């Protein structure tokens, strides 16, 4: 029996949620948030159980964490500098139309219609950190549906003309599990220049 597109999307979203819940924080995210200044405001998109929310808070950053279900965030809800937002990013209007962030973090989540909203929600000089599964990942497991996998160069096209790319990879990784991933760190146009001493030339 074939599943309807909506049902397939829900199953894939559940998979992303489970991945975010059981995996450690992304080394890619950890690398680039180290360049953010304490007290800057960061949006954690599709936060899941809060593995990156925790990391961001531990770096003395202020965090807005959003997901369709925030019940798994109970252990963090009393942390200072944290705002939890329950919102269905796939079926409701973008909830941050009048808000701007010093950084946005997205991992293991893909909903293409919000790409313009993500970039537009960055302050000038804001840092965009994104990492998720790429086309071909089906060889290693789920997700395998091309609808939920980044196309070659897709993240570069998302920020093209709007942000300066600091680092970009479209690679096979074995950590935390074998997968094909695409990831980017980019800085929105405008604002004061940021220094990235960790950048490898």
C-alpha atoms as a PDB file:
ATOM      1  CA  UNK A   1       0.000   0.000   0.000  1.00  0.00           C
ATOM      2  CA  UNK A   2       1.382   3.388  -1.007  1.00  0.00           C
ATOM      3  CA  UNK A   3       1.280   6.164   1.553  1.00  0.00           C
ATOM      4  CA  UNK A   4      -0.109   9.564   0.677  1.00  0.00           C
ATOM      5  CA  UNK A   5       2.450  12.350   0.412  1.00  0.00           C
ATOM      6  CA  UNK A   6       1.272  13.889   3.702  1.00  0.00           C
ATOM      7  CA  UNK A   7       1.648  10.563   5.493  1.00  0.00           C
ATOM      8  CA  UNK A   8       5.137  10.057   4.071  1.00  0.00           C
ATOM      9  CA  UNK A   9       6.055  13.557   5.214  1.00  0.00           C
ATOM     10  CA  UNK A  10       4.811  12.837   8.739  1.00  0.00           C
ATOM     11  CA  UNK A  11       6.789   9.603   8.905  1.00  0.00           C
ATOM     12  CA  UNK A  12       9.917  11.367   7.747  1.00  0.00           C
ATOM     13  CA  UNK A  13       9.359  14.161  10.313  1.00  0.00           C
ATOM     14  CA  UNK A  14       9.055  11.500  13.033  1.00  0.00           C
ATOM     15  CA  UNK A  15      12.355  10.032  11.870  1.00  0.00           C
ATOM     16  CA  UNK A  16      14.045  13.441  12.035  1.00  0.00           C
ATOM     17  CA  UNK A  17      12.642  13.917  15.538  1.00  0.00           C
ATOM     18  CA  UNK A  18      13.983  10.540  16.726  1.00  0.00           C
ATOM     19  CA  UNK A  19      17.395  11.332  15.250  1.00  0.00           C
ATOM     20  CA  UNK A  20      17.510  14.677  17.044  1.00  0.00           C
ATOM     21  CA  UNK A  21      16.455  13.004  20.282  1.00  0.00           C
ATOM     22  CA  UNK A  22      19.040  10.226  20.413  1.00  0.00           C
ATOM     23  CA  UNK A  23      22.099  11.729  18.717  1.00  0.00           C
ATOM     24  CA  UNK A  24      24.729  13.930  20.355  1.00  0.00           C
ATOM     25  CA  UNK A  25      25.062  17.532  19.277  1.00  0.00           C
ATOM     26  CA  UNK A  26      26.429  18.038  15.782  1.00  0.00           C
ATOM     27  CA  UNK A  27      30.150  18.710  15.560  1.00  0.00           C
ATOM     28  CA  UNK A  28      29.403  21.090  12.677  1.00  0.00           C
ATOM     29  CA  UNK A  29      27.083  23.161  14.846  1.00  0.00           C
ATOM     30  CA  UNK A  30      29.514  23.083  17.768  1.00  0.00           C
ATOM     31  CA  UNK A  31      32.334  24.289  15.526  1.00  0.00           C
ATOM     32  CA  UNK A  32      30.550  27.361  14.240  1.00  0.00           C
ATOM     33  CA  UNK A  33      28.561  28.485  17.278  1.00  0.00           C
ATOM     34  CA  UNK A  34      31.883  28.859  19.052  1.00  0.00           C
ATOM     35  CA  UNK A  35      32.310  32.019  16.959  1.00  0.00           C
ATOM     36  CA  UNK A  36      29.123  33.621  18.327  1.00  0.00           C
ATOM     37  CA  UNK A  37      29.297  36.166  21.123  1.00  0.00           C
ATOM     38  CA  UNK A  38      27.670  35.518  24.513  1.00  0.00           C
ATOM     39  CA  UNK A  39      24.109  36.805  24.809  1.00  0.00           C
ATOM     40  CA  UNK A  40      23.470  36.777  21.062  1.00  0.00           C
ATOM     41  CA  UNK A  41      19.980  35.542  20.153  1.00  0.00           C
ATOM     42  CA  UNK A  42      19.806  32.225  18.301  1.00  0.00           C
ATOM     43  CA  UNK A  43      16.840  30.411  16.740  1.00  0.00           C
ATOM     44  CA  UNK A  44      16.940  26.607  17.020  1.00  0.00           C
ATOM     45  CA  UNK A  45      14.582  25.309  14.324  1.00  0.00           C
ATOM     46  CA  UNK A  46      12.879  21.917  14.753  1.00  0.00           C
ATOM     47  CA  UNK A  47      14.634  21.642  18.108  1.00  0.00           C
ATOM     48  CA  UNK A  48      13.411  18.116  18.897  1.00  0.00           C
ATOM     49  CA  UNK A  49      14.594  17.078  22.347  1.00  0.00           C
ATOM     50  CA  UNK A  50      16.911  20.064  22.578  1.00  0.00           C
ATOM     51  CA  UNK A  51      20.361  18.656  21.878  1.00  0.00           C
ATOM     52  CA  UNK A  52      21.417  21.908  20.205  1.00  0.00           C
ATOM     53  CA  UNK A  53      19.362  24.125  22.483  1.00  0.00           C
ATOM     54  CA  UNK A  54      21.403  22.735  25.374  1.00  0.00           C
ATOM     55  CA  UNK A  55      24.641  23.349  23.495  1.00  0.00           C
ATOM     56  CA  UNK A  56      23.669  26.919  22.667  1.00  0.00           C
ATOM     57  CA  UNK A  57      22.678  27.693  26.245  1.00  0.00           C
ATOM     58  CA  UNK A  58      25.942  26.230  27.500  1.00  0.00           C
ATOM     59  CA  UNK A  59      27.728  28.765  25.282  1.00  0.00           C
ATOM     60  CA  UNK A  60      25.915  31.606  27.107  1.00  0.00           C
ATOM     61  CA  UNK A  61      23.670  32.319  24.139  1.00  0.00           C
ATOM     62  CA  UNK A  62      20.025  33.296  24.321  1.00  0.00           C
ATOM     63  CA  UNK A  63      17.840  30.773  22.526  1.00  0.00           C
ATOM     64  CA  UNK A  64      14.413  30.612  20.942  1.00  0.00           C
ATOM     65  CA  UNK A  65      13.633  26.925  20.328  1.00  0.00           C
ATOM     66  CA  UNK A  66      10.728  26.002  18.064  1.00  0.00           C
ATOM     67  CA  UNK A  67       9.069  22.721  17.130  1.00  0.00           C
ATOM     68  CA  UNK A  68       5.632  21.300  16.476  1.00  0.00           C
ATOM     69  CA  UNK A  69       5.929  19.381  19.765  1.00  0.00           C
ATOM     70  CA  UNK A  70       8.033  20.810  22.598  1.00  0.00           C
ATOM     71  CA  UNK A  71       7.058  18.242  25.238  1.00  0.00           C
ATOM     72  CA  UNK A  72      10.526  16.666  25.053  1.00  0.00           C
ATOM     73  CA  UNK A  73      12.015  19.994  26.195  1.00  0.00           C
ATOM     74  CA  UNK A  74      10.695  19.685  29.739  1.00  0.00           C
ATOM     75  CA  UNK A  75      14.163  19.263  31.211  1.00  0.00           C
ATOM     76  CA  UNK A  76      15.251  22.611  29.746  1.00  0.00           C
ATOM     77  CA  UNK A  77      12.131  24.737  30.113  1.00  0.00           C
ATOM     78  CA  UNK A  78      13.361  26.426  33.308  1.00  0.00           C
ATOM     79  CA  UNK A  79      16.732  27.387  31.891  1.00  0.00           C
ATOM     80  CA  UNK A  80      17.423  31.094  31.777  1.00  0.00           C
ATOM     81  CA  UNK A  81      17.721  32.725  28.366  1.00  0.00           C
ATOM     82  CA  UNK A  82      15.402  30.176  26.745  1.00  0.00           C
ATOM     83  CA  UNK A  83      12.056  30.764  25.045  1.00  0.00           C
ATOM     84  CA  UNK A  84      10.122  27.724  23.843  1.00  0.00           C
ATOM     85  CA  UNK A  85       7.740  28.163  20.909  1.00  0.00           C
ATOM     86  CA  UNK A  86       5.298  25.472  19.833  1.00  0.00           C
ATOM     87  CA  UNK A  87       4.485  25.962  16.158  1.00  0.00           C
ATOM     88  CA  UNK A  88       3.763  23.838  13.112  1.00  0.00           C
ATOM     89  CA  UNK A  89       6.267  25.235  10.643  1.00  0.00           C
ATOM     90  CA  UNK A  90       4.811  23.189   7.813  1.00  0.00           C
ATOM     91  CA  UNK A  91       1.131  24.099   8.125  1.00  0.00           C
ATOM     92  CA  UNK A  92       1.085  27.498   9.826  1.00  0.00           C
ATOM     93  CA  UNK A  93       2.508  30.916   8.909  1.00  0.00           C
ATOM     94  CA  UNK A  94       6.138  31.550   9.835  1.00  0.00           C
ATOM     95  CA  UNK A  95       5.922  32.538  13.527  1.00  0.00           C
ATOM     96  CA  UNK A  96       8.891  34.931  13.497  1.00  0.00           C
ATOM     97  CA  UNK A  97       7.851  37.374  10.788  1.00  0.00           C
ATOM     98  CA  UNK A  98       8.715  40.349  13.000  1.00  0.00           C
ATOM     99  CA  UNK A  99      11.738  38.828  14.752  1.00  0.00           C
ATOM    100  CA  UNK A 100      15.396  38.810  13.768  1.00  0.00           C
ATOM    101  CA  UNK A 101      18.181  36.606  15.067  1.00  0.00           C
ATOM    102  CA  UNK A 102      21.952  36.736  15.406  1.00  0.00           C
ATOM    103  CA  UNK A 103      22.064  33.117  14.336  1.00  0.00           C
ATOM    104  CA  UNK A 104      19.828  30.297  13.105  1.00  0.00           C
ATOM    105  CA  UNK A 105      20.558  26.594  13.570  1.00  0.00           C
ATOM    106  CA  UNK A 106      18.794  23.822  11.640  1.00  0.00           C
ATOM    107  CA  UNK A 107      19.807  20.159  11.670  1.00  0.00           C
ATOM    108  CA  UNK A 108      18.211  16.981  10.340  1.00  0.00           C
ATOM    109  CA  UNK A 109      15.156  18.863   9.145  1.00  0.00           C
ATOM    110  CA  UNK A 110      14.046  19.892   5.681  1.00  0.00           C
ATOM    111  CA  UNK A 111      10.974  21.887   4.712  1.00  0.00           C
ATOM    112  CA  UNK A 112      11.861  23.897   1.641  1.00  0.00           C
ATOM    113  CA  UNK A 113       9.006  26.451   1.796  1.00  0.00           C
ATOM    114  CA  UNK A 114      10.573  28.075   4.876  1.00  0.00           C
ATOM    115  CA  UNK A 115      13.998  28.616   3.285  1.00  0.00           C
ATOM    116  CA  UNK A 116      13.202  32.274   2.428  1.00  0.00           C
ATOM    117  CA  UNK A 117      11.840  32.860   5.947  1.00  0.00           C
ATOM    118  CA  UNK A 118      14.985  31.469   7.538  1.00  0.00           C
ATOM    119  CA  UNK A 119      17.293  33.746   5.600  1.00  0.00           C
ATOM    120  CA  UNK A 120      15.009  36.761   6.026  1.00  0.00           C
ATOM    121  CA  UNK A 121      14.992  36.227   9.814  1.00  0.00           C
ATOM    122  CA  UNK A 122      18.740  36.744  10.112  1.00  0.00           C
ATOM    123  CA  UNK A 123      20.017  40.086  11.325  1.00  0.00           C
ATOM    124  CA  UNK A 124      22.682  41.698   9.145  1.00  0.00           C
ATOM    125  CA  UNK A 125      25.797  39.711   9.974  1.00  0.00           C
ATOM    126  CA  UNK A 126      23.725  36.866  11.418  1.00  0.00           C
ATOM    127  CA  UNK A 127      25.125  33.330  11.200  1.00  0.00           C
ATOM    128  CA  UNK A 128      23.221  30.607   9.322  1.00  0.00           C
ATOM    129  CA  UNK A 129      24.175  27.050  10.320  1.00  0.00           C
ATOM    130  CA  UNK A 130      22.385  24.246   8.513  1.00  0.00           C
ATOM    131  CA  UNK A 131      23.078  20.512   8.286  1.00  0.00           C
ATOM    132  CA  UNK A 132      20.857  17.712   7.027  1.00  0.00           C
ATOM    133  CA  UNK A 133      20.751  14.646   4.821  1.00  0.00           C
ATOM    134  CA  UNK A 134      21.675  14.847   1.139  1.00  0.00           C
ATOM    135  CA  UNK A 135      20.631  13.087  -2.038  1.00  0.00           C
ATOM    136  CA  UNK A 136      21.946   9.523  -2.084  1.00  0.00           C
ATOM    137  CA  UNK A 137      21.510   8.975   1.644  1.00  0.00           C
ATOM    138  CA  UNK A 138      19.106   6.116   0.909  1.00  0.00           C
ATOM    139  CA  UNK A 139      22.108   3.860   0.412  1.00  0.00           C
ATOM    140  CA  UNK A 140      22.782   4.121   4.123  1.00  0.00           C
ATOM    141  CA  UNK A 141      19.272   4.200   5.583  1.00  0.00           C
ATOM    142  CA  UNK A 142      16.536   6.718   6.223  1.00  0.00           C
ATOM    143  CA  UNK A 143      15.537   9.228   5.086  1.00  0.00           C
ATOM    144  CA  UNK A 144      15.677   7.876   1.557  1.00  0.00           C
ATOM    145  CA  UNK A 145      12.856   9.734  -0.217  1.00  0.00           C
ATOM    146  CA  UNK A 146      14.467  12.342  -2.527  1.00  0.00           C
ATOM    147  CA  UNK A 147      11.739  14.816  -1.515  1.00  0.00           C
ATOM    148  CA  UNK A 148      13.349  14.978   1.922  1.00  0.00           C
ATOM    149  CA  UNK A 149      16.989  15.072   0.822  1.00  0.00           C
ATOM    150  CA  UNK A 150      18.981  18.110  -0.233  1.00  0.00           C
ATOM    151  CA  UNK A 151      19.873  18.340  -3.897  1.00  0.00           C
ATOM    152  CA  UNK A 152      23.526  19.013  -4.865  1.00  0.00           C
ATOM    153  CA  UNK A 153      24.385  22.616  -4.043  1.00  0.00           C
ATOM    154  CA  UNK A 154      20.923  23.345  -2.670  1.00  0.00           C
ATOM    155  CA  UNK A 155      22.083  25.110   0.493  1.00  0.00           C
ATOM    156  CA  UNK A 156      24.406  27.291  -1.581  1.00  0.00           C
ATOM    157  CA  UNK A 157      21.424  28.383  -3.660  1.00  0.00           C
ATOM    158  CA  UNK A 158      19.414  29.166  -0.507  1.00  0.00           C
ATOM    159  CA  UNK A 159      21.925  31.816   0.594  1.00  0.00           C
ATOM    160  CA  UNK A 160      23.079  32.966  -2.840  1.00  0.00           C
ATOM    161  CA  UNK A 161      23.169  36.762  -2.954  1.00  0.00           C
ATOM    162  CA  UNK A 162      21.980  37.024   0.642  1.00  0.00           C
ATOM    163  CA  UNK A 163      24.889  35.716   2.716  1.00  0.00           C
ATOM    164  CA  UNK A 164      28.628  35.066   2.515  1.00  0.00           C
ATOM    165  CA  UNK A 165      29.515  31.383   2.662  1.00  0.00           C
ATOM    166  CA  UNK A 166      32.092  30.668   5.359  1.00  0.00           C
ATOM    167  CA  UNK A 167      32.139  26.890   4.947  1.00  0.00           C
ATOM    168  CA  UNK A 168      30.207  24.336   2.919  1.00  0.00           C
ATOM    169  CA  UNK A 169      30.388  20.559   2.599  1.00  0.00           C
ATOM    170  CA  UNK A 170      28.480  17.901   0.687  1.00  0.00           C
ATOM    171  CA  UNK A 171      30.059  14.753   2.072  1.00  0.00           C
ATOM    172  CA  UNK A 172      29.827  11.221   3.377  1.00  0.00           C
ATOM    173  CA  UNK A 173      30.197  10.967   7.121  1.00  0.00           C
ATOM    174  CA  UNK A 174      30.444   8.034   9.516  1.00  0.00           C
ATOM    175  CA  UNK A 175      29.668  10.079  12.615  1.00  0.00           C
ATOM    176  CA  UNK A 176      27.299   9.668  14.362  1.00  0.00           C
ATOM    177  CA  UNK A 177      26.124   7.167  11.718  1.00  0.00           C
ATOM    178  CA  UNK A 178      26.924   6.505   8.051  1.00  0.00           C
ATOM    179  CA  UNK A 179      25.141   9.139   5.991  1.00  0.00           C
ATOM    180  CA  UNK A 180      25.408  11.619   3.148  1.00  0.00           C
ATOM    181  CA  UNK A 181      25.012  15.137   4.484  1.00  0.00           C
ATOM    182  CA  UNK A 182      25.109  18.680   3.239  1.00  0.00           C
ATOM    183  CA  UNK A 183      26.028  21.487   5.606  1.00  0.00           C
ATOM    184  CA  UNK A 184      26.746  25.173   5.485  1.00  0.00           C
ATOM    185  CA  UNK A 185      27.827  28.081   7.634  1.00  0.00           C
ATOM    186  CA  UNK A 186      27.069  31.474   6.092  1.00  0.00           C
ATOM    187  CA  UNK A 187      26.921  35.062   7.332  1.00  0.00           C
ATOM    188  CA  UNK A 188      24.074  37.339   6.247  1.00  0.00           C
ATOM    189  CA  UNK A 189      25.036  40.391   4.236  1.00  0.00           C
ATOM    190  CA  UNK A 190      25.564  43.620   6.129  1.00  0.00           C
ATOM    191  CA  UNK A 191      26.464  44.196   9.744  1.00  0.00           C
ATOM    192  CA  UNK A 192      29.898  44.261  11.326  1.00  0.00           C
ATOM    193  CA  UNK A 193      32.426  41.758   9.948  1.00  0.00           C
ATOM    194  CA  UNK A 194      32.719  38.543  11.942  1.00  0.00           C
ATOM    195  CA  UNK A 195      36.025  36.863  12.613  1.00  0.00           C
ATOM    196  CA  UNK A 196      36.266  33.113  12.119  1.00  0.00           C
ATOM    197  CA  UNK A 197      39.669  31.999  13.448  1.00  0.00           C
ATOM    198  CA  UNK A 198      38.582  28.367  13.090  1.00  0.00           C
ATOM    199  CA  UNK A 199      38.255  28.739   9.318  1.00  0.00           C
ATOM    200  CA  UNK A 200      40.460  26.388   7.347  1.00  0.00           C
ATOM    201  CA  UNK A 201      41.793  27.999   4.187  1.00  0.00           C
END
